[in-house]
Amino acid sequence: MGFAVMTMTDAAANRVKAIVENSGAGARGLRVGIKKGGCAGMEYTIDLVHEASPKDDLIERDGASVWIEPSAVLYLLGTQMDFETTTLRSGFTFNNPNQTSACGCGESVELKAADLALLAKERAAEPLHG
């Protein structure tokens, strides 16, 4: 099995499936990306996918499909996508080891590119499962 850029929790997968089911016959999943903006410098983007790009990375869980824009991959390596509902809001959240700070409102983040050498070293140290 190859290295997944990002993972999804059960809650995120269930929400992705619900969005796709309620978006019409052409909807296939969601696309996650990063754009410049907000007071911390970057924002996560989430868009509905009708036609996947062959350049996007695909992650799947329990029938939920999420594509990752190529320009966002280095910023999302090791990230866990979740969905949470609180008293004041509901939405996708990203537990991202590449995040160095966030703004007070939580809408934008500061991200650094993943350290590929460190990731390779950590992966090499993981025990093999047979």
N, C-alpha and C. Protein backbone atom coordinates (compact mmCIF):
# COMPACT_ATOMS: atom_id res chain seq x y z
N MET A 1 0.84 -1.19 0.00
CA MET A 1 0.00 0.00 0.00
C MET A 1 0.88 1.24 0.00
N GLY A 2 0.56 2.23 -0.81
CA GLY A 2 1.32 3.46 -0.88
C GLY A 2 1.02 4.38 0.29
N PHE A 3 1.79 5.41 0.40
CA PHE A 3 1.63 6.40 1.46
C PHE A 3 0.46 7.32 1.12
N ALA A 4 -0.49 7.46 2.02
CA ALA A 4 -1.62 8.36 1.81
C ALA A 4 -1.21 9.77 2.23
N VAL A 5 -1.48 10.72 1.38
CA VAL A 5 -1.16 12.12 1.68
C VAL A 5 -1.90 12.55 2.94
N MET A 6 -3.17 12.15 3.03
CA MET A 6 -4.04 12.60 4.10
C MET A 6 -4.94 11.44 4.49
N THR A 7 -5.46 11.45 5.70
CA THR A 7 -6.42 10.44 6.13
C THR A 7 -7.73 11.13 6.51
N MET A 8 -8.78 10.33 6.60
CA MET A 8 -10.10 10.84 7.01
C MET A 8 -10.60 10.06 8.21
N THR A 9 -11.25 10.73 9.12
CA THR A 9 -11.91 10.05 10.22
C THR A 9 -13.24 9.49 9.71
N ASP A 10 -13.88 8.65 10.52
CA ASP A 10 -15.21 8.15 10.17
C ASP A 10 -16.19 9.31 9.99
N ALA A 11 -16.10 10.31 10.89
CA ALA A 11 -17.02 11.45 10.82
C ALA A 11 -16.84 12.22 9.51
N ALA A 12 -15.58 12.41 9.08
CA ALA A 12 -15.33 13.11 7.82
C ALA A 12 -15.85 12.30 6.64
N ALA A 13 -15.58 11.00 6.64
CA ALA A 13 -16.05 10.15 5.54
C ALA A 13 -17.57 10.17 5.45
N ASN A 14 -18.24 10.08 6.59
CA ASN A 14 -19.70 10.11 6.59
C ASN A 14 -20.24 11.43 6.06
N ARG A 15 -19.58 12.55 6.41
CA ARG A 15 -20.03 13.86 5.94
C ARG A 15 -19.78 14.01 4.44
N VAL A 16 -18.63 13.54 3.96
CA VAL A 16 -18.33 13.59 2.52
C VAL A 16 -19.41 12.81 1.77
N LYS A 17 -19.74 11.61 2.24
CA LYS A 17 -20.77 10.80 1.56
C LYS A 17 -22.12 11.51 1.56
N ALA A 18 -22.48 12.15 2.68
CA ALA A 18 -23.76 12.86 2.76
C ALA A 18 -23.79 14.03 1.79
N ILE A 19 -22.70 14.78 1.69
CA ILE A 19 -22.64 15.91 0.76
C ILE A 19 -22.80 15.42 -0.67
N VAL A 20 -22.09 14.35 -1.03
CA VAL A 20 -22.16 13.81 -2.39
C VAL A 20 -23.57 13.31 -2.70
N GLU A 21 -24.18 12.60 -1.75
CA GLU A 21 -25.53 12.06 -1.96
C GLU A 21 -26.55 13.17 -2.16
N ASN A 22 -26.34 14.32 -1.53
CA ASN A 22 -27.29 15.43 -1.62
C ASN A 22 -26.95 16.43 -2.73
N SER A 23 -25.93 16.12 -3.53
CA SER A 23 -25.47 17.08 -4.54
C SER A 23 -25.79 16.68 -5.98
N GLY A 24 -26.56 15.67 -6.18
CA GLY A 24 -26.96 15.31 -7.53
C GLY A 24 -26.11 14.18 -8.11
N ALA A 25 -26.56 13.70 -9.25
CA ALA A 25 -25.99 12.51 -9.86
C ALA A 25 -24.54 12.66 -10.29
N GLY A 26 -24.11 13.86 -10.64
CA GLY A 26 -22.75 14.04 -11.15
C GLY A 26 -21.67 14.17 -10.08
N ALA A 27 -22.07 14.32 -8.84
CA ALA A 27 -21.09 14.53 -7.77
C ALA A 27 -20.36 13.23 -7.45
N ARG A 28 -19.01 13.33 -7.32
CA ARG A 28 -18.20 12.14 -7.06
C ARG A 28 -17.47 12.20 -5.73
N GLY A 29 -17.25 13.39 -5.20
CA GLY A 29 -16.53 13.54 -3.94
C GLY A 29 -16.16 14.99 -3.72
N LEU A 30 -15.15 15.21 -2.90
CA LEU A 30 -14.68 16.56 -2.60
C LEU A 30 -13.22 16.70 -2.99
N ARG A 31 -12.82 17.94 -3.25
CA ARG A 31 -11.41 18.25 -3.52
C ARG A 31 -10.93 19.22 -2.45
N VAL A 32 -9.79 18.89 -1.84
CA VAL A 32 -9.19 19.74 -0.82
C VAL A 32 -7.97 20.42 -1.41
N GLY A 33 -7.83 21.69 -1.12
CA GLY A 33 -6.68 22.44 -1.58
C GLY A 33 -6.30 23.50 -0.56
N ILE A 34 -5.34 24.32 -0.94
CA ILE A 34 -4.85 25.41 -0.11
C ILE A 34 -4.81 26.65 -0.99
N LYS A 35 -5.22 27.79 -0.44
CA LYS A 35 -5.08 29.05 -1.17
C LYS A 35 -4.53 30.11 -0.23
N LYS A 36 -3.90 31.10 -0.82
CA LYS A 36 -3.40 32.22 -0.02
C LYS A 36 -4.58 33.07 0.40
N GLY A 37 -4.58 33.48 1.67
CA GLY A 37 -5.66 34.33 2.14
C GLY A 37 -5.80 34.27 3.64
N GLY A 38 -6.67 35.10 4.15
CA GLY A 38 -6.91 35.14 5.58
C GLY A 38 -5.80 35.83 6.33
N CYS A 39 -6.01 36.09 7.61
CA CYS A 39 -5.03 36.85 8.38
C CYS A 39 -3.77 36.05 8.71
N ALA A 40 -3.82 34.72 8.66
CA ALA A 40 -2.63 33.91 8.93
C ALA A 40 -1.88 33.53 7.66
N GLY A 41 -2.45 33.79 6.48
CA GLY A 41 -1.72 33.59 5.24
C GLY A 41 -2.25 32.54 4.30
N MET A 42 -2.91 31.49 4.82
CA MET A 42 -3.42 30.43 3.94
C MET A 42 -4.77 29.93 4.45
N GLU A 43 -5.56 29.40 3.53
CA GLU A 43 -6.85 28.84 3.89
C GLU A 43 -7.03 27.50 3.18
N TYR A 44 -7.72 26.59 3.84
CA TYR A 44 -8.09 25.32 3.20
C TYR A 44 -9.26 25.60 2.28
N THR A 45 -9.28 24.93 1.14
CA THR A 45 -10.42 25.03 0.24
C THR A 45 -11.05 23.65 0.10
N ILE A 46 -12.36 23.62 -0.02
CA ILE A 46 -13.09 22.37 -0.22
C ILE A 46 -14.12 22.63 -1.31
N ASP A 47 -14.03 21.85 -2.37
CA ASP A 47 -14.95 22.00 -3.50
C ASP A 47 -15.54 20.65 -3.87
N LEU A 48 -16.73 20.69 -4.43
CA LEU A 48 -17.38 19.50 -4.92
C LEU A 48 -16.71 19.04 -6.22
N VAL A 49 -16.50 17.76 -6.37
CA VAL A 49 -15.87 17.20 -7.57
C VAL A 49 -16.93 16.51 -8.43
N HIS A 50 -17.01 16.96 -9.67
CA HIS A 50 -17.85 16.28 -10.67
C HIS A 50 -16.97 15.49 -11.63
N GLU A 51 -15.79 16.03 -11.90
CA GLU A 51 -14.84 15.34 -12.77
C GLU A 51 -13.46 15.44 -12.13
N ALA A 52 -12.90 14.30 -11.79
CA ALA A 52 -11.60 14.27 -11.11
C ALA A 52 -10.48 14.60 -12.09
N SER A 53 -9.47 15.25 -11.57
CA SER A 53 -8.27 15.52 -12.36
C SER A 53 -7.29 14.37 -12.15
N PRO A 54 -6.69 13.86 -13.23
CA PRO A 54 -5.74 12.76 -13.07
C PRO A 54 -4.49 13.17 -12.27
N LYS A 55 -4.26 14.47 -12.11
CA LYS A 55 -3.10 14.93 -11.36
C LYS A 55 -3.35 14.97 -9.85
N ASP A 56 -4.62 14.92 -9.44
CA ASP A 56 -4.96 14.96 -8.02
C ASP A 56 -4.64 13.63 -7.35
N ASP A 57 -4.25 13.69 -6.08
CA ASP A 57 -4.13 12.48 -5.26
C ASP A 57 -5.52 12.14 -4.75
N LEU A 58 -5.83 10.86 -4.64
CA LEU A 58 -7.14 10.41 -4.18
C LEU A 58 -6.98 9.65 -2.87
N ILE A 59 -7.81 10.02 -1.89
CA ILE A 59 -7.92 9.21 -0.69
C ILE A 59 -9.37 8.76 -0.58
N GLU A 60 -9.56 7.55 -0.09
CA GLU A 60 -10.90 7.00 0.03
C GLU A 60 -11.06 6.32 1.39
N ARG A 61 -12.26 6.41 1.91
CA ARG A 61 -12.58 5.70 3.14
C ARG A 61 -14.06 5.39 3.14
N ASP A 62 -14.40 4.13 3.28
CA ASP A 62 -15.79 3.69 3.40
C ASP A 62 -16.71 4.28 2.33
N GLY A 63 -16.21 4.36 1.10
CA GLY A 63 -17.02 4.87 0.00
C GLY A 63 -16.97 6.38 -0.19
N ALA A 64 -16.23 7.09 0.66
CA ALA A 64 -16.06 8.54 0.52
C ALA A 64 -14.78 8.81 -0.25
N SER A 65 -14.84 9.70 -1.23
CA SER A 65 -13.68 10.05 -2.05
C SER A 65 -13.32 11.51 -1.87
N VAL A 66 -12.02 11.75 -1.59
CA VAL A 66 -11.50 13.11 -1.46
C VAL A 66 -10.25 13.20 -2.31
N TRP A 67 -10.24 14.17 -3.24
CA TRP A 67 -9.08 14.42 -4.07
C TRP A 67 -8.29 15.58 -3.47
N ILE A 68 -6.98 15.55 -3.64
CA ILE A 68 -6.10 16.59 -3.12
C ILE A 68 -5.37 17.25 -4.28
N GLU A 69 -5.50 18.57 -4.35
CA GLU A 69 -4.84 19.32 -5.42
C GLU A 69 -3.33 19.15 -5.32
N PRO A 70 -2.65 18.97 -6.45
CA PRO A 70 -1.19 18.77 -6.43
C PRO A 70 -0.43 19.88 -5.70
N SER A 71 -0.88 21.13 -5.84
CA SER A 71 -0.17 22.24 -5.20
C SER A 71 -0.31 22.22 -3.68
N ALA A 72 -1.23 21.42 -3.14
CA ALA A 72 -1.45 21.37 -1.70
C ALA A 72 -0.78 20.18 -1.03
N VAL A 73 -0.30 19.22 -1.82
CA VAL A 73 0.20 17.96 -1.25
C VAL A 73 1.28 18.17 -0.20
N LEU A 74 2.29 18.97 -0.48
CA LEU A 74 3.38 19.16 0.48
C LEU A 74 2.91 19.79 1.78
N TYR A 75 1.82 20.55 1.73
CA TYR A 75 1.29 21.20 2.93
C TYR A 75 0.33 20.29 3.70
N LEU A 76 -0.15 19.24 3.05
CA LEU A 76 -1.15 18.37 3.68
C LEU A 76 -0.60 17.00 4.08
N LEU A 77 0.66 16.69 3.78
CA LEU A 77 1.22 15.39 4.14
C LEU A 77 1.06 15.13 5.63
N GLY A 78 0.46 14.00 5.97
CA GLY A 78 0.29 13.63 7.37
C GLY A 78 -0.94 14.21 8.03
N THR A 79 -1.77 14.92 7.28
CA THR A 79 -2.95 15.57 7.84
C THR A 79 -4.11 14.59 8.01
N GLN A 80 -4.88 14.79 9.08
CA GLN A 80 -6.11 14.03 9.28
C GLN A 80 -7.29 14.98 9.11
N MET A 81 -8.18 14.64 8.19
CA MET A 81 -9.39 15.42 7.95
C MET A 81 -10.49 14.87 8.84
N ASP A 82 -11.16 15.76 9.57
CA ASP A 82 -12.22 15.36 10.48
C ASP A 82 -13.44 16.23 10.20
N PHE A 83 -14.56 15.86 10.78
CA PHE A 83 -15.76 16.69 10.73
C PHE A 83 -16.29 16.77 12.13
N GLU A 84 -16.53 17.99 12.59
CA GLU A 84 -17.04 18.13 13.96
C GLU A 84 -18.21 19.09 14.00
N THR A 85 -19.08 18.84 14.96
CA THR A 85 -20.21 19.71 15.22
C THR A 85 -20.11 20.17 16.66
N THR A 86 -20.12 21.47 16.83
CA THR A 86 -20.10 22.05 18.18
C THR A 86 -21.36 22.89 18.33
N THR A 87 -21.50 23.54 19.47
CA THR A 87 -22.66 24.38 19.72
C THR A 87 -22.74 25.53 18.72
N LEU A 88 -21.59 26.05 18.32
CA LEU A 88 -21.57 27.24 17.47
C LEU A 88 -21.33 26.99 15.99
N ARG A 89 -20.77 25.84 15.64
CA ARG A 89 -20.46 25.62 14.21
C ARG A 89 -20.34 24.12 13.93
N SER A 90 -20.41 23.81 12.65
CA SER A 90 -20.09 22.46 12.20
C SER A 90 -19.28 22.61 10.93
N GLY A 91 -18.31 21.70 10.76
CA GLY A 91 -17.50 21.79 9.55
C GLY A 91 -16.32 20.85 9.60
N PHE A 92 -15.61 20.81 8.48
CA PHE A 92 -14.42 20.00 8.39
C PHE A 92 -13.30 20.69 9.16
N THR A 93 -12.49 19.88 9.82
CA THR A 93 -11.31 20.38 10.51
C THR A 93 -10.12 19.58 10.00
N PHE A 94 -8.94 20.16 10.13
CA PHE A 94 -7.72 19.52 9.64
C PHE A 94 -6.69 19.50 10.75
N ASN A 95 -6.33 18.29 11.19
CA ASN A 95 -5.25 18.12 12.16
C ASN A 95 -3.99 17.97 11.33
N ASN A 96 -3.28 19.09 11.16
CA ASN A 96 -2.19 19.16 10.19
C ASN A 96 -0.86 19.38 10.91
N PRO A 97 0.06 18.40 10.84
CA PRO A 97 1.36 18.57 11.49
C PRO A 97 2.23 19.65 10.86
N ASN A 98 1.84 20.15 9.69
CA ASN A 98 2.59 21.20 9.00
C ASN A 98 2.08 22.60 9.33
N GLN A 99 1.08 22.68 10.19
CA GLN A 99 0.53 23.98 10.59
C GLN A 99 1.40 24.57 11.68
N THR A 100 1.84 25.80 11.46
CA THR A 100 2.70 26.47 12.45
C THR A 100 1.94 27.47 13.29
N SER A 101 0.80 27.98 12.80
CA SER A 101 -0.04 28.86 13.59
C SER A 101 -1.40 29.00 12.90
N ALA A 102 -2.35 29.61 13.62
CA ALA A 102 -3.68 29.86 13.07
C ALA A 102 -4.15 31.22 13.57
N CYS A 103 -5.06 31.81 12.84
CA CYS A 103 -5.60 33.09 13.27
C CYS A 103 -6.61 32.85 14.39
N GLY A 104 -7.00 33.89 15.06
CA GLY A 104 -7.92 33.78 16.18
C GLY A 104 -9.29 33.24 15.81
N CYS A 105 -9.75 33.54 14.60
CA CYS A 105 -11.08 33.08 14.19
C CYS A 105 -11.07 31.64 13.69
N GLY A 106 -9.88 31.09 13.46
CA GLY A 106 -9.79 29.71 13.03
C GLY A 106 -10.03 29.48 11.55
N GLU A 107 -10.19 30.54 10.78
CA GLU A 107 -10.47 30.40 9.35
C GLU A 107 -9.22 30.30 8.49
N SER A 108 -8.09 30.78 8.99
CA SER A 108 -6.88 30.70 8.19
C SER A 108 -5.73 30.18 9.04
N VAL A 109 -4.72 29.66 8.36
CA VAL A 109 -3.60 29.01 9.02
C VAL A 109 -2.29 29.41 8.36
N GLU A 110 -1.21 29.19 9.08
CA GLU A 110 0.12 29.32 8.51
C GLU A 110 0.66 27.91 8.38
N LEU A 111 1.11 27.56 7.19
CA LEU A 111 1.59 26.20 6.92
C LEU A 111 3.01 26.24 6.39
N LYS A 112 3.77 25.20 6.71
CA LYS A 112 5.09 25.01 6.12
C LYS A 112 5.02 23.72 5.31
N ALA A 113 5.85 23.60 4.32
CA ALA A 113 5.90 22.37 3.53
C ALA A 113 6.42 21.24 4.42
N ALA A 114 5.92 20.04 4.19
CA ALA A 114 6.34 18.88 4.97
C ALA A 114 7.82 18.59 4.76
N ASP A 115 8.47 18.09 5.78
CA ASP A 115 9.87 17.68 5.72
C ASP A 115 9.91 16.24 5.18
N LEU A 116 10.15 16.09 3.90
CA LEU A 116 10.10 14.77 3.26
C LEU A 116 11.14 13.82 3.82
N ALA A 117 12.33 14.32 4.15
CA ALA A 117 13.38 13.46 4.71
C ALA A 117 12.95 12.90 6.06
N LEU A 118 12.33 13.74 6.88
CA LEU A 118 11.86 13.29 8.20
C LEU A 118 10.73 12.27 8.05
N LEU A 119 9.80 12.52 7.12
CA LEU A 119 8.72 11.58 6.89
C LEU A 119 9.25 10.22 6.43
N ALA A 120 10.22 10.23 5.55
CA ALA A 120 10.81 8.97 5.06
C ALA A 120 11.50 8.24 6.19
N LYS A 121 12.19 8.97 7.04
CA LYS A 121 12.88 8.37 8.18
C LYS A 121 11.88 7.75 9.15
N GLU A 122 10.79 8.46 9.45
CA GLU A 122 9.75 7.94 10.35
C GLU A 122 9.08 6.71 9.75
N ARG A 123 8.84 6.75 8.46
CA ARG A 123 8.18 5.61 7.80
C ARG A 123 9.10 4.38 7.79
N ALA A 124 10.39 4.59 7.59
CA ALA A 124 11.36 3.49 7.59
C ALA A 124 11.44 2.86 8.97
N ALA A 125 11.19 3.64 10.02
CA ALA A 125 11.29 3.13 11.39
C ALA A 125 10.03 2.36 11.80
N GLU A 126 8.93 2.49 11.05
CA GLU A 126 7.69 1.79 11.39
C GLU A 126 7.85 0.29 11.17
N PRO A 127 7.30 -0.51 12.09
CA PRO A 127 7.39 -1.98 11.89
C PRO A 127 6.53 -2.41 10.70
N LEU A 128 7.00 -3.41 10.00
CA LEU A 128 6.26 -3.95 8.86
C LEU A 128 5.14 -4.84 9.36
N HIS A 129 3.97 -4.73 8.74
CA HIS A 129 2.83 -5.57 9.09
C HIS A 129 2.64 -6.60 7.99
N GLY A 130 2.54 -7.83 8.36
CA GLY A 130 2.43 -8.87 7.34
C GLY A 130 1.11 -9.38 7.22
